[in-house]
């Protein structure tokens, strides 16, 4: 499996988590653009952790139980997929906050 396939499967698995995370990231960036603050940057990461936990719980709770077998048959475990989705989501927030710091800080 090449990297493009892995990225595509990760997007397919974590689409709901990515979309809610992207909305949160854009809201945080909008607040940072209004007035840059280091304390808000730290608070946004703490709240991001809480939002991510709630989102992952809800997505996993209401997902079809048999859909995970598609990924398992491809050699991807639920833990690997969740880890890559959450890391990509936090990395997107970190890059966005770094850009806000460079532009407005």
Protein backbone atom coordinates (compact mmCIF):
# COMPACT_ATOMS: atom_id res chain seq x y z
CA UNK A 1 0.00 0.00 0.00
CA UNK A 2 1.45 3.33 -1.01
CA UNK A 3 1.21 6.58 0.92
CA UNK A 4 -1.58 7.95 -1.27
CA UNK A 5 -3.73 4.91 -0.46
CA UNK A 6 -3.03 5.25 3.25
CA UNK A 7 -3.98 8.94 3.20
CA UNK A 8 -7.14 8.17 1.26
CA UNK A 9 -8.18 5.44 3.70
CA UNK A 10 -7.40 7.65 6.68
CA UNK A 11 -9.60 10.40 5.21
CA UNK A 12 -12.36 7.89 4.54
CA UNK A 13 -12.18 6.54 8.09
CA UNK A 14 -11.92 9.86 9.91
CA UNK A 15 -13.94 12.20 7.69
CA UNK A 16 -16.31 13.22 10.51
CA UNK A 17 -13.46 13.87 12.92
CA UNK A 18 -11.55 15.86 10.31
CA UNK A 19 -14.54 18.03 9.39
CA UNK A 20 -15.45 18.91 12.97
CA UNK A 21 -11.76 19.49 13.73
CA UNK A 22 -11.39 21.75 10.68
CA UNK A 23 -14.39 23.82 11.76
CA UNK A 24 -12.87 24.22 15.24
CA UNK A 25 -9.47 25.10 13.75
CA UNK A 26 -10.98 27.82 11.57
CA UNK A 27 -12.89 29.30 14.50
CA UNK A 28 -9.69 29.41 16.57
CA UNK A 29 -7.80 31.02 13.68
CA UNK A 30 -10.54 33.63 13.34
CA UNK A 31 -10.29 34.51 17.03
CA UNK A 32 -6.51 34.67 16.80
CA UNK A 33 -6.74 36.97 13.79
CA UNK A 34 -8.92 39.35 15.82
CA UNK A 35 -6.35 39.69 18.57
CA UNK A 36 -3.30 37.47 19.04
CA UNK A 37 -2.82 35.98 22.49
CA UNK A 38 -0.51 33.25 23.72
CA UNK A 39 -2.95 32.23 26.43
CA UNK A 40 -5.68 31.72 23.85
CA UNK A 41 -3.28 29.52 21.89
CA UNK A 42 -2.76 27.27 24.90
CA UNK A 43 -6.45 27.29 25.75
CA UNK A 44 -7.35 26.36 22.18
CA UNK A 45 -5.17 23.24 22.39
CA UNK A 46 -6.72 22.23 25.72
CA UNK A 47 -10.25 22.71 24.40
CA UNK A 48 -9.22 20.92 21.18
CA UNK A 49 -8.34 17.85 23.24
CA UNK A 50 -11.77 17.86 24.87
CA UNK A 51 -13.58 18.42 21.56
CA UNK A 52 -11.56 15.65 19.92
CA UNK A 53 -12.36 13.15 22.68
CA UNK A 54 -16.08 13.92 22.45
CA UNK A 55 -16.03 13.75 18.65
CA UNK A 56 -14.16 10.45 18.56
CA UNK A 57 -16.55 8.97 21.10
CA UNK A 58 -19.61 10.05 19.14
CA UNK A 59 -18.22 8.93 15.79
CA UNK A 60 -17.19 5.53 17.14
CA UNK A 61 -20.47 5.12 19.03
CA UNK A 62 -22.71 5.72 16.02
CA UNK A 63 -20.54 4.04 13.37
CA UNK A 64 -21.60 0.74 11.88
CA UNK A 65 -19.77 -2.03 13.74
CA UNK A 66 -19.02 -4.01 10.60
CA UNK A 67 -17.42 -1.12 8.71
CA UNK A 68 -14.14 -1.53 10.61
CA UNK A 69 -13.59 -4.95 9.02
CA UNK A 70 -12.93 -3.22 5.70
CA UNK A 71 -9.88 -1.51 7.22
CA UNK A 72 -8.79 -4.57 9.18
CA UNK A 73 -8.76 -6.63 5.99
CA UNK A 74 -6.45 -4.02 4.46
CA UNK A 75 -4.07 -4.40 7.40
CA UNK A 76 -5.01 -1.22 9.23
CA UNK A 77 -6.14 -1.42 12.82
CA UNK A 78 -8.61 0.93 14.47
CA UNK A 79 -5.89 2.23 16.78
CA UNK A 80 -3.56 3.09 13.87
CA UNK A 81 -6.31 4.86 12.01
CA UNK A 82 -7.47 6.85 15.04
CA UNK A 83 -3.89 7.80 15.88
CA UNK A 84 -3.23 9.08 12.37
CA UNK A 85 -6.52 11.00 12.27
CA UNK A 86 -5.96 12.66 15.65
CA UNK A 87 -2.31 13.49 14.90
CA UNK A 88 -3.23 15.02 11.55
CA UNK A 89 -5.98 17.06 13.20
CA UNK A 90 -3.70 18.42 15.94
CA UNK A 91 -0.94 19.04 13.41
CA UNK A 92 -3.35 21.13 11.33
CA UNK A 93 -4.19 23.22 14.40
CA UNK A 94 -0.51 23.64 15.27
CA UNK A 95 0.35 24.78 11.74
CA UNK A 96 -2.60 27.16 11.69
CA UNK A 97 -1.63 28.64 15.05
CA UNK A 98 1.99 28.99 13.91
CA UNK A 99 0.81 30.87 10.81
CA UNK A 100 -1.34 33.14 12.97
CA UNK A 101 1.68 33.79 15.17
CA UNK A 102 3.83 34.66 12.16
CA UNK A 103 1.21 36.92 10.63
CA UNK A 104 -0.24 38.68 13.69
CA UNK A 105 2.29 38.01 16.45
